[in-house]
mmCIF file of all heavy atoms, coordinates in Angstrom:
data_MODEL
# 
_entry.id   MODEL 
# 
loop_
_atom_site.group_PDB 
_atom_site.id 
_atom_site.type_symbol 
_atom_site.label_atom_id 
_atom_site.label_alt_id 
_atom_site.label_comp_id 
_atom_site.label_asym_id 
_atom_site.label_entity_id 
_atom_site.label_seq_id 
_atom_site.pdbx_PDB_ins_code 
_atom_site.Cartn_x 
_atom_site.Cartn_y 
_atom_site.Cartn_z 
_atom_site.occupancy 
_atom_site.B_iso_or_equiv 
_atom_site.pdbx_formal_charge 
_atom_site.auth_seq_id 
_atom_site.auth_comp_id 
_atom_site.auth_asym_id 
_atom_site.auth_atom_id 
_atom_site.pdbx_PDB_model_num 
ATOM 1   N N   . ALA A 1 1  ? 12.069  -13.309 -10.377 1.00 0.00 ? 1  ALA A N   1 
ATOM 2   C CA  . ALA A 1 1  ? 11.641  -14.701 -10.511 1.00 0.00 ? 1  ALA A CA  1 
ATOM 3   C C   . ALA A 1 1  ? 12.258  -15.588 -9.439  1.00 0.00 ? 1  ALA A C   1 
ATOM 4   O O   . ALA A 1 1  ? 11.588  -16.486 -8.909  1.00 0.00 ? 1  ALA A O   1 
ATOM 5   C CB  . ALA A 1 1  ? 11.989  -15.220 -11.900 1.00 0.00 ? 1  ALA A CB  1 
ATOM 6   N N   . ASP A 1 2  ? 13.512  -15.346 -9.070  1.00 0.00 ? 2  ASP A N   1 
ATOM 7   C CA  . ASP A 1 2  ? 14.167  -16.211 -8.089  1.00 0.00 ? 2  ASP A CA  1 
ATOM 8   C C   . ASP A 1 2  ? 13.643  -15.994 -6.666  1.00 0.00 ? 2  ASP A C   1 
ATOM 9   O O   . ASP A 1 2  ? 13.890  -16.816 -5.783  1.00 0.00 ? 2  ASP A O   1 
ATOM 10  C CB  . ASP A 1 2  ? 15.685  -16.047 -8.141  1.00 0.00 ? 2  ASP A CB  1 
ATOM 11  C CG  . ASP A 1 2  ? 16.145  -14.630 -7.846  1.00 0.00 ? 2  ASP A CG  1 
ATOM 12  O OD1 . ASP A 1 2  ? 15.352  -13.684 -8.039  1.00 0.00 ? 2  ASP A OD1 1 
ATOM 13  O OD2 . ASP A 1 2  ? 17.312  -14.462 -7.439  1.00 0.00 ? 2  ASP A OD2 1 
ATOM 14  N N   . GLU A 1 3  ? 12.903  -14.924 -6.417  1.00 0.00 ? 3  GLU A N   1 
ATOM 15  C CA  . GLU A 1 3  ? 12.329  -14.666 -5.095  1.00 0.00 ? 3  GLU A CA  1 
ATOM 16  C C   . GLU A 1 3  ? 10.822  -14.949 -5.041  1.00 0.00 ? 3  GLU A C   1 
ATOM 17  O O   . GLU A 1 3  ? 10.239  -14.984 -3.966  1.00 0.00 ? 3  GLU A O   1 
ATOM 18  C CB  . GLU A 1 3  ? 12.569  -13.205 -4.701  1.00 0.00 ? 3  GLU A CB  1 
ATOM 19  C CG  . GLU A 1 3  ? 14.027  -12.844 -4.518  1.00 0.00 ? 3  GLU A CG  1 
ATOM 20  C CD  . GLU A 1 3  ? 14.227  -11.370 -4.237  1.00 0.00 ? 3  GLU A CD  1 
ATOM 21  O OE1 . GLU A 1 3  ? 13.243  -10.672 -3.877  1.00 0.00 ? 3  GLU A OE1 1 
ATOM 22  O OE2 . GLU A 1 3  ? 15.371  -10.905 -4.377  1.00 0.00 ? 3  GLU A OE2 1 
ATOM 23  N N   . LEU A 1 4  ? 10.235  -15.160 -6.207  1.00 0.00 ? 4  LEU A N   1 
ATOM 24  C CA  . LEU A 1 4  ? 8.783   -15.284 -6.277  1.00 0.00 ? 4  LEU A CA  1 
ATOM 25  C C   . LEU A 1 4  ? 8.270   -16.542 -5.573  1.00 0.00 ? 4  LEU A C   1 
ATOM 26  O O   . LEU A 1 4  ? 7.261   -16.492 -4.863  1.00 0.00 ? 4  LEU A O   1 
ATOM 27  C CB  . LEU A 1 4  ? 8.331   -15.255 -7.737  1.00 0.00 ? 4  LEU A CB  1 
ATOM 28  C CG  . LEU A 1 4  ? 6.843   -15.094 -7.983  1.00 0.00 ? 4  LEU A CG  1 
ATOM 29  C CD1 . LEU A 1 4  ? 6.294   -13.846 -7.306  1.00 0.00 ? 4  LEU A CD1 1 
ATOM 30  C CD2 . LEU A 1 4  ? 6.568   -15.043 -9.479  1.00 0.00 ? 4  LEU A CD2 1 
ATOM 31  N N   . ALA A 1 5  ? 8.955   -17.655 -5.731  1.00 0.00 ? 5  ALA A N   1 
ATOM 32  C CA  . ALA A 1 5  ? 8.495   -18.908 -5.100  1.00 0.00 ? 5  ALA A CA  1 
ATOM 33  C C   . ALA A 1 5  ? 8.482   -18.769 -3.575  1.00 0.00 ? 5  ALA A C   1 
ATOM 34  O O   . ALA A 1 5  ? 7.531   -19.212 -2.916  1.00 0.00 ? 5  ALA A O   1 
ATOM 35  C CB  . ALA A 1 5  ? 9.377   -20.070 -5.529  1.00 0.00 ? 5  ALA A CB  1 
ATOM 36  N N   . ALA A 1 6  ? 9.509   -18.160 -3.017  1.00 0.00 ? 6  ALA A N   1 
ATOM 37  C CA  . ALA A 1 6  ? 9.568   -17.975 -1.566  1.00 0.00 ? 6  ALA A CA  1 
ATOM 38  C C   . ALA A 1 6  ? 8.443   -17.041 -1.098  1.00 0.00 ? 6  ALA A C   1 
ATOM 39  O O   . ALA A 1 6  ? 7.818   -17.283 -0.060  1.00 0.00 ? 6  ALA A O   1 
ATOM 40  C CB  . ALA A 1 6  ? 10.923  -17.428 -1.152  1.00 0.00 ? 6  ALA A CB  1 
ATOM 41  N N   . LEU A 1 7  ? 8.182   -15.993 -1.876  1.00 0.00 ? 7  LEU A N   1 
ATOM 42  C CA  . LEU A 1 7  ? 7.106   -15.063 -1.529  1.00 0.00 ? 7  LEU A CA  1 
ATOM 43  C C   . LEU A 1 7  ? 5.754   -15.774 -1.558  1.00 0.00 ? 7  LEU A C   1 
ATOM 44  O O   . LEU A 1 7  ? 4.941   -15.620 -0.640  1.00 0.00 ? 7  LEU A O   1 
ATOM 45  C CB  . LEU A 1 7  ? 7.102   -13.865 -2.480  1.00 0.00 ? 7  LEU A CB  1 
ATOM 46  C CG  . LEU A 1 7  ? 5.978   -12.851 -2.289  1.00 0.00 ? 7  LEU A CG  1 
ATOM 47  C CD1 . LEU A 1 7  ? 6.050   -12.217 -0.901  1.00 0.00 ? 7  LEU A CD1 1 
ATOM 48  C CD2 . LEU A 1 7  ? 6.029   -11.792 -3.377  1.00 0.00 ? 7  LEU A CD2 1 
ATOM 49  N N   . ILE A 1 8  ? 5.520   -16.577 -2.580  1.00 0.00 ? 8  ILE A N   1 
ATOM 50  C CA  . ILE A 1 8  ? 4.257   -17.315 -2.669  1.00 0.00 ? 8  ILE A CA  1 
ATOM 51  C C   . ILE A 1 8  ? 4.125   -18.264 -1.478  1.00 0.00 ? 8  ILE A C   1 
ATOM 52  O O   . ILE A 1 8  ? 3.054   -18.371 -0.872  1.00 0.00 ? 8  ILE A O   1 
ATOM 53  C CB  . ILE A 1 8  ? 4.157   -18.060 -4.014  1.00 0.00 ? 8  ILE A CB  1 
ATOM 54  C CG1 . ILE A 1 8  ? 3.941   -17.054 -5.145  1.00 0.00 ? 8  ILE A CG1 1 
ATOM 55  C CG2 . ILE A 1 8  ? 3.038   -19.099 -3.995  1.00 0.00 ? 8  ILE A CG2 1 
ATOM 56  C CD1 . ILE A 1 8  ? 4.026   -17.647 -6.544  1.00 0.00 ? 8  ILE A CD1 1 
ATOM 57  N N   . GLY A 1 9  ? 5.205   -18.932 -1.119  1.00 0.00 ? 9  GLY A N   1 
ATOM 58  C CA  . GLY A 1 9  ? 5.168   -19.828 0.039   1.00 0.00 ? 9  GLY A CA  1 
ATOM 59  C C   . GLY A 1 9  ? 4.828   -19.096 1.328   1.00 0.00 ? 9  GLY A C   1 
ATOM 60  O O   . GLY A 1 9  ? 4.016   -19.580 2.135   1.00 0.00 ? 9  GLY A O   1 
ATOM 61  N N   . ARG A 1 10 ? 5.432   -17.927 1.518   1.00 0.00 ? 10 ARG A N   1 
ATOM 62  C CA  . ARG A 1 10 ? 5.137   -17.143 2.729   1.00 0.00 ? 10 ARG A CA  1 
ATOM 63  C C   . ARG A 1 10 ? 3.693   -16.645 2.729   1.00 0.00 ? 10 ARG A C   1 
ATOM 64  O O   . ARG A 1 10 ? 3.015   -16.671 3.762   1.00 0.00 ? 10 ARG A O   1 
ATOM 65  C CB  . ARG A 1 10 ? 6.105   -15.964 2.853   1.00 0.00 ? 10 ARG A CB  1 
ATOM 66  C CG  . ARG A 1 10 ? 7.529   -16.374 3.172   1.00 0.00 ? 10 ARG A CG  1 
ATOM 67  C CD  . ARG A 1 10 ? 8.401   -15.199 3.579   1.00 0.00 ? 10 ARG A CD  1 
ATOM 68  N NE  . ARG A 1 10 ? 8.342   -14.051 2.707   1.00 0.00 ? 10 ARG A NE  1 
ATOM 69  C CZ  . ARG A 1 10 ? 9.132   -13.838 1.652   1.00 0.00 ? 10 ARG A CZ  1 
ATOM 70  N NH1 . ARG A 1 10 ? 10.062  -14.738 1.327   1.00 0.00 ? 10 ARG A NH1 1 
ATOM 71  N NH2 . ARG A 1 10 ? 9.022   -12.736 0.931   1.00 0.00 ? 10 ARG A NH2 1 
ATOM 72  N N   . LEU A 1 11 ? 3.209   -16.212 1.566   1.00 0.00 ? 11 LEU A N   1 
ATOM 73  C CA  . LEU A 1 11 ? 1.824   -15.743 1.484   1.00 0.00 ? 11 LEU A CA  1 
ATOM 74  C C   . LEU A 1 11 ? 0.838   -16.878 1.751   1.00 0.00 ? 11 LEU A C   1 
ATOM 75  O O   . LEU A 1 11 ? -0.181  -16.680 2.418   1.00 0.00 ? 11 LEU A O   1 
ATOM 76  C CB  . LEU A 1 11 ? 1.554   -15.086 0.125   1.00 0.00 ? 11 LEU A CB  1 
ATOM 77  C CG  . LEU A 1 11 ? 2.217   -13.727 -0.077  1.00 0.00 ? 11 LEU A CG  1 
ATOM 78  C CD1 . LEU A 1 11 ? 2.181   -13.316 -1.541  1.00 0.00 ? 11 LEU A CD1 1 
ATOM 79  C CD2 . LEU A 1 11 ? 1.567   -12.661 0.793   1.00 0.00 ? 11 LEU A CD2 1 
ATOM 80  N N   . HIS A 1 12 ? 1.125   -18.069 1.236   1.00 0.00 ? 12 HIS A N   1 
ATOM 81  C CA  . HIS A 1 12 ? 0.291   -19.237 1.553   1.00 0.00 ? 12 HIS A CA  1 
ATOM 82  C C   . HIS A 1 12 ? 0.269   -19.467 3.063   1.00 0.00 ? 12 HIS A C   1 
ATOM 83  O O   . HIS A 1 12 ? -0.786  -19.721 3.648   1.00 0.00 ? 12 HIS A O   1 
ATOM 84  C CB  . HIS A 1 12 ? 0.826   -20.492 0.852   1.00 0.00 ? 12 HIS A CB  1 
ATOM 85  C CG  . HIS A 1 12 ? 0.276   -20.729 -0.514  1.00 0.00 ? 12 HIS A CG  1 
ATOM 86  N ND1 . HIS A 1 12 ? -1.058  -20.920 -0.776  1.00 0.00 ? 12 HIS A ND1 1 
ATOM 87  C CD2 . HIS A 1 12 ? 0.903   -20.830 -1.718  1.00 0.00 ? 12 HIS A CD2 1 
ATOM 88  C CE1 . HIS A 1 12 ? -1.236  -21.126 -2.067  1.00 0.00 ? 12 HIS A CE1 1 
ATOM 89  N NE2 . HIS A 1 12 ? -0.059  -21.072 -2.665  1.00 0.00 ? 12 HIS A NE2 1 
ATOM 90  N N   . GLU A 1 13 ? 1.429   -19.383 3.692   1.00 0.00 ? 13 GLU A N   1 
ATOM 91  C CA  . GLU A 1 13 ? 1.529   -19.614 5.139   1.00 0.00 ? 13 GLU A CA  1 
ATOM 92  C C   . GLU A 1 13 ? 0.779   -18.532 5.920   1.00 0.00 ? 13 GLU A C   1 
ATOM 93  O O   . GLU A 1 13 ? 0.069   -18.832 6.879   1.00 0.00 ? 13 GLU A O   1 
ATOM 94  C CB  . GLU A 1 13 ? 2.997   -19.667 5.570   1.00 0.00 ? 13 GLU A CB  1 
ATOM 95  C CG  . GLU A 1 13 ? 3.207   -19.951 7.029   1.00 0.00 ? 13 GLU A CG  1 
ATOM 96  C CD  . GLU A 1 13 ? 2.716   -21.317 7.487   1.00 0.00 ? 13 GLU A CD  1 
ATOM 97  O OE1 . GLU A 1 13 ? 2.490   -22.207 6.644   1.00 0.00 ? 13 GLU A OE1 1 
ATOM 98  O OE2 . GLU A 1 13 ? 2.538   -21.492 8.703   1.00 0.00 ? 13 GLU A OE2 1 
ATOM 99  N N   . HIS A 1 14 ? 0.929   -17.268 5.521   1.00 0.00 ? 14 HIS A N   1 
ATOM 100 C CA  . HIS A 1 14 ? 0.189   -16.180 6.194   1.00 0.00 ? 14 HIS A CA  1 
ATOM 101 C C   . HIS A 1 14 ? -1.312  -16.426 6.082   1.00 0.00 ? 14 HIS A C   1 
ATOM 102 O O   . HIS A 1 14 ? -2.054  -16.275 7.050   1.00 0.00 ? 14 HIS A O   1 
ATOM 103 C CB  . HIS A 1 14 ? 0.514   -14.819 5.583   1.00 0.00 ? 14 HIS A CB  1 
ATOM 104 C CG  . HIS A 1 14 ? 1.943   -14.408 5.671   1.00 0.00 ? 14 HIS A CG  1 
ATOM 105 N ND1 . HIS A 1 14 ? 2.777   -14.750 6.709   1.00 0.00 ? 14 HIS A ND1 1 
ATOM 106 C CD2 . HIS A 1 14 ? 2.699   -13.669 4.816   1.00 0.00 ? 14 HIS A CD2 1 
ATOM 107 C CE1 . HIS A 1 14 ? 3.983   -14.236 6.497   1.00 0.00 ? 14 HIS A CE1 1 
ATOM 108 N NE2 . HIS A 1 14 ? 3.953   -13.572 5.357   1.00 0.00 ? 14 HIS A NE2 1 
ATOM 109 N N   . SER A 1 15 ? -1.743  -16.796 4.885   1.00 0.00 ? 15 SER A N   1 
ATOM 110 C CA  . SER A 1 15 ? -3.163  -17.049 4.654   1.00 0.00 ? 15 SER A CA  1 
ATOM 111 C C   . SER A 1 15 ? -3.658  -18.179 5.557   1.00 0.00 ? 15 SER A C   1 
ATOM 112 O O   . SER A 1 15 ? -4.703  -18.067 6.207   1.00 0.00 ? 15 SER A O   1 
ATOM 113 C CB  . SER A 1 15 ? -3.376  -17.398 3.178   1.00 0.00 ? 15 SER A CB  1 
ATOM 114 O OG  . SER A 1 15 ? -4.682  -17.840 2.952   1.00 0.00 ? 15 SER A OG  1 
ATOM 115 N N   . ARG A 1 16 ? -2.903  -19.263 5.626   1.00 0.00 ? 16 ARG A N   1 
ATOM 116 C CA  . ARG A 1 16 ? -3.292  -20.408 6.457   1.00 0.00 ? 16 ARG A CA  1 
ATOM 117 C C   . ARG A 1 16 ? -3.377  -20.016 7.938   1.00 0.00 ? 16 ARG A C   1 
ATOM 118 O O   . ARG A 1 16 ? -4.348  -20.322 8.625   1.00 0.00 ? 16 ARG A O   1 
ATOM 119 C CB  . ARG A 1 16 ? -2.308  -21.558 6.290   1.00 0.00 ? 16 ARG A CB  1 
ATOM 120 C CG  . ARG A 1 16 ? -2.717  -22.814 7.083   1.00 0.00 ? 16 ARG A CG  1 
ATOM 121 C CD  . ARG A 1 16 ? -1.597  -23.822 7.198   1.00 0.00 ? 16 ARG A CD  1 
ATOM 122 N NE  . ARG A 1 16 ? -0.431  -23.333 7.902   1.00 0.00 ? 16 ARG A NE  1 
ATOM 123 C CZ  . ARG A 1 16 ? -0.338  -23.215 9.240   1.00 0.00 ? 16 ARG A CZ  1 
ATOM 124 N NH1 . ARG A 1 16 ? -1.365  -23.519 9.999   1.00 0.00 ? 16 ARG A NH1 1 
ATOM 125 N NH2 . ARG A 1 16 ? 0.771   -22.781 9.801   1.00 0.00 ? 16 ARG A NH2 1 
ATOM 126 N N   . ARG A 1 17 ? -2.371  -19.311 8.399   1.00 0.00 ? 17 ARG A N   1 
ATOM 127 C CA  . ARG A 1 17 ? -2.353  -18.941 9.818   1.00 0.00 ? 17 ARG A CA  1 
ATOM 128 C C   . ARG A 1 17 ? -3.478  -17.966 10.164  1.00 0.00 ? 17 ARG A C   1 
ATOM 129 O O   . ARG A 1 17 ? -4.122  -18.092 11.209  1.00 0.00 ? 17 ARG A O   1 
ATOM 130 C CB  . ARG A 1 17 ? -1.007  -18.341 10.195  1.00 0.00 ? 17 ARG A CB  1 
ATOM 131 C CG  . ARG A 1 17 ? 0.096   -19.405 10.186  1.00 0.00 ? 17 ARG A CG  1 
ATOM 132 C CD  . ARG A 1 17 ? 1.397   -18.847 10.605  1.00 0.00 ? 17 ARG A CD  1 
ATOM 133 N NE  . ARG A 1 17 ? 1.694   -19.369 11.936  1.00 0.00 ? 17 ARG A NE  1 
ATOM 134 C CZ  . ARG A 1 17 ? 2.815   -19.111 12.567  1.00 0.00 ? 17 ARG A CZ  1 
ATOM 135 N NH1 . ARG A 1 17 ? 3.721   -18.331 12.040  1.00 0.00 ? 17 ARG A NH1 1 
ATOM 136 N NH2 . ARG A 1 17 ? 3.038   -19.634 13.756  1.00 0.00 ? 17 ARG A NH2 1 
ATOM 137 N N   . LEU A 1 18 ? -3.726  -17.005 9.294   1.00 0.00 ? 18 LEU A N   1 
ATOM 138 C CA  . LEU A 1 18 ? -4.811  -16.051 9.556   1.00 0.00 ? 18 LEU A CA  1 
ATOM 139 C C   . LEU A 1 18 ? -6.168  -16.756 9.524   1.00 0.00 ? 18 LEU A C   1 
ATOM 140 O O   . LEU A 1 18 ? -7.043  -16.459 10.351  1.00 0.00 ? 18 LEU A O   1 
ATOM 141 C CB  . LEU A 1 18 ? -4.769  -14.903 8.550   1.00 0.00 ? 18 LEU A CB  1 
ATOM 142 C CG  . LEU A 1 18 ? -3.605  -13.931 8.735   1.00 0.00 ? 18 LEU A CG  1 
ATOM 143 C CD1 . LEU A 1 18 ? -3.547  -12.948 7.571   1.00 0.00 ? 18 LEU A CD1 1 
ATOM 144 C CD2 . LEU A 1 18 ? -3.706  -13.186 10.062  1.00 0.00 ? 18 LEU A CD2 1 
ATOM 145 N N   . ARG A 1 19 ? -6.348  -17.694 8.596   1.00 0.00 ? 19 ARG A N   1 
ATOM 146 C CA  . ARG A 1 19 ? -7.599  -18.469 8.565   1.00 0.00 ? 19 ARG A CA  1 
ATOM 147 C C   . ARG A 1 19 ? -7.760  -19.255 9.858   1.00 0.00 ? 19 ARG A C   1 
ATOM 148 O O   . ARG A 1 19 ? -8.854  -19.292 10.434  1.00 0.00 ? 19 ARG A O   1 
ATOM 149 C CB  . ARG A 1 19 ? -7.624  -19.432 7.377   1.00 0.00 ? 19 ARG A CB  1 
ATOM 150 C CG  . ARG A 1 19 ? -7.908  -18.735 6.056   1.00 0.00 ? 19 ARG A CG  1 
ATOM 151 C CD  . ARG A 1 19 ? -7.960  -19.709 4.900   1.00 0.00 ? 19 ARG A CD  1 
ATOM 152 N NE  . ARG A 1 19 ? -6.617  -20.260 4.685   1.00 0.00 ? 19 ARG A NE  1 
ATOM 153 C CZ  . ARG A 1 19 ? -6.364  -21.521 4.369   1.00 0.00 ? 19 ARG A CZ  1 
ATOM 154 N NH1 . ARG A 1 19 ? -7.327  -22.390 4.237   1.00 0.00 ? 19 ARG A NH1 1 
ATOM 155 N NH2 . ARG A 1 19 ? -5.126  -21.924 4.180   1.00 0.00 ? 19 ARG A NH2 1 
ATOM 156 N N   . ASP A 1 20 ? -6.674  -19.874 10.322  1.00 0.00 ? 20 ASP A N   1 
ATOM 157 C CA  . ASP A 1 20 ? -6.738  -20.641 11.570  1.00 0.00 ? 20 ASP A CA  1 
ATOM 158 C C   . ASP A 1 20 ? -7.104  -19.745 12.749  1.00 0.00 ? 20 ASP A C   1 
ATOM 159 O O   . ASP A 1 20 ? -7.899  -20.135 13.604  1.00 0.00 ? 20 ASP A O   1 
ATOM 160 C CB  . ASP A 1 20 ? -5.404  -21.336 11.849  1.00 0.00 ? 20 ASP A CB  1 
ATOM 161 C CG  . ASP A 1 20 ? -5.126  -22.504 10.918  1.00 0.00 ? 20 ASP A CG  1 
ATOM 162 O OD1 . ASP A 1 20 ? -6.039  -22.896 10.149  1.00 0.00 ? 20 ASP A OD1 1 
ATOM 163 O OD2 . ASP A 1 20 ? -3.985  -23.016 10.932  1.00 0.00 ? 20 ASP A OD2 1 
ATOM 164 N N   . ILE A 1 21 ? -6.534  -18.565 12.801  1.00 0.00 ? 21 ILE A N   1 
ATOM 165 C CA  . ILE A 1 21 ? -6.840  -17.626 13.882  1.00 0.00 ? 21 ILE A CA  1 
ATOM 166 C C   . ILE A 1 21 ? -8.296  -17.181 13.811  1.00 0.00 ? 21 ILE A C   1 
ATOM 167 O O   . ILE A 1 21 ? -8.993  -17.100 14.826  1.00 0.00 ? 21 ILE A O   1 
ATOM 168 C CB  . ILE A 1 21 ? -5.890  -16.409 13.834  1.00 0.00 ? 21 ILE A CB  1 
ATOM 169 C CG1 . ILE A 1 21 ? -4.465  -16.840 14.200  1.00 0.00 ? 21 ILE A CG1 1 
ATOM 170 C CG2 . ILE A 1 21 ? -6.384  -15.287 14.752  1.00 0.00 ? 21 ILE A CG2 1 
ATOM 171 C CD1 . ILE A 1 21 ? -3.409  -15.786 13.898  1.00 0.00 ? 21 ILE A CD1 1 
ATOM 172 N N   . ALA A 1 22 ? -8.773  -16.919 12.600  1.00 0.00 ? 22 ALA A N   1 
ATOM 173 C CA  . ALA A 1 22 ? -10.133 -16.395 12.422  1.00 0.00 ? 22 ALA A CA  1 
ATOM 174 C C   . ALA A 1 22 ? -11.206 -17.379 12.876  1.00 0.00 ? 22 ALA A C   1 
ATOM 175 O O   . ALA A 1 22 ? -12.282 -16.956 13.307  1.00 0.00 ? 22 ALA A O   1 
ATOM 176 C CB  . ALA A 1 22 ? -10.358 -16.015 10.959  1.00 0.00 ? 22 ALA A CB  1 
ATOM 177 N N   . VAL A 1 23 ? -10.928 -18.668 12.799  1.00 0.00 ? 23 VAL A N   1 
ATOM 178 C CA  . VAL A 1 23 ? -11.941 -19.660 13.163  1.00 0.00 ? 23 VAL A CA  1 
ATOM 179 C C   . VAL A 1 23 ? -11.587 -20.406 14.445  1.00 0.00 ? 23 VAL A C   1 
ATOM 180 O O   . VAL A 1 23 ? -12.232 -21.395 14.789  1.00 0.00 ? 23 VAL A O   1 
ATOM 181 C CB  . VAL A 1 23 ? -12.176 -20.667 12.007  1.00 0.00 ? 23 VAL A CB  1 
ATOM 182 C CG1 . VAL A 1 23 ? -12.677 -19.955 10.765  1.00 0.00 ? 23 VAL A CG1 1 
ATOM 183 C CG2 . VAL A 1 23 ? -10.927 -21.474 11.713  1.00 0.00 ? 23 VAL A CG2 1 
ATOM 184 N N   . ALA A 1 24 ? -10.596 -19.937 15.175  1.00 0.00 ? 24 ALA A N   1 
ATOM 185 C CA  . ALA A 1 24 ? -10.085 -20.671 16.339  1.00 0.00 ? 24 ALA A CA  1 
ATOM 186 C C   . ALA A 1 24 ? -11.078 -20.759 17.490  1.00 0.00 ? 24 ALA A C   1 
ATOM 187 O O   . ALA A 1 24 ? -11.115 -21.763 18.188  1.00 0.00 ? 24 ALA A O   1 
ATOM 188 C CB  . ALA A 1 24 ? -8.785  -20.039 16.823  1.00 0.00 ? 24 ALA A CB  1 
ATOM 189 N N   . ASP A 1 25 ? -11.868 -19.738 17.701  1.00 0.00 ? 25 ASP A N   1 
ATOM 190 C CA  . ASP A 1 25 ? -12.756 -19.734 18.862  1.00 0.00 ? 25 ASP A CA  1 
ATOM 191 C C   . ASP A 1 25 ? -14.201 -19.910 18.405  1.00 0.00 ? 25 ASP A C   1 
ATOM 192 O O   . ASP A 1 25 ? -14.786 -19.010 17.807  1.00 0.00 ? 25 ASP A O   1 
ATOM 193 C CB  . ASP A 1 25 ? -12.607 -18.416 19.630  1.00 0.00 ? 25 ASP A CB  1 
ATOM 194 C CG  . ASP A 1 25 ? -13.293 -18.453 20.986  1.00 0.00 ? 25 ASP A CG  1 
ATOM 195 O OD1 . ASP A 1 25 ? -14.151 -19.335 21.211  1.00 0.00 ? 25 ASP A OD1 1 
ATOM 196 O OD2 . ASP A 1 25 ? -12.967 -17.601 21.821  1.00 0.00 ? 25 ASP A OD2 1 
# 
């Protein structure tokens, strides 16, 4: 439980960055 919030935050960030890359060009 004490690591879950950080993991969710990183997964949100990975998702955002990959979405940005996918639509960049």
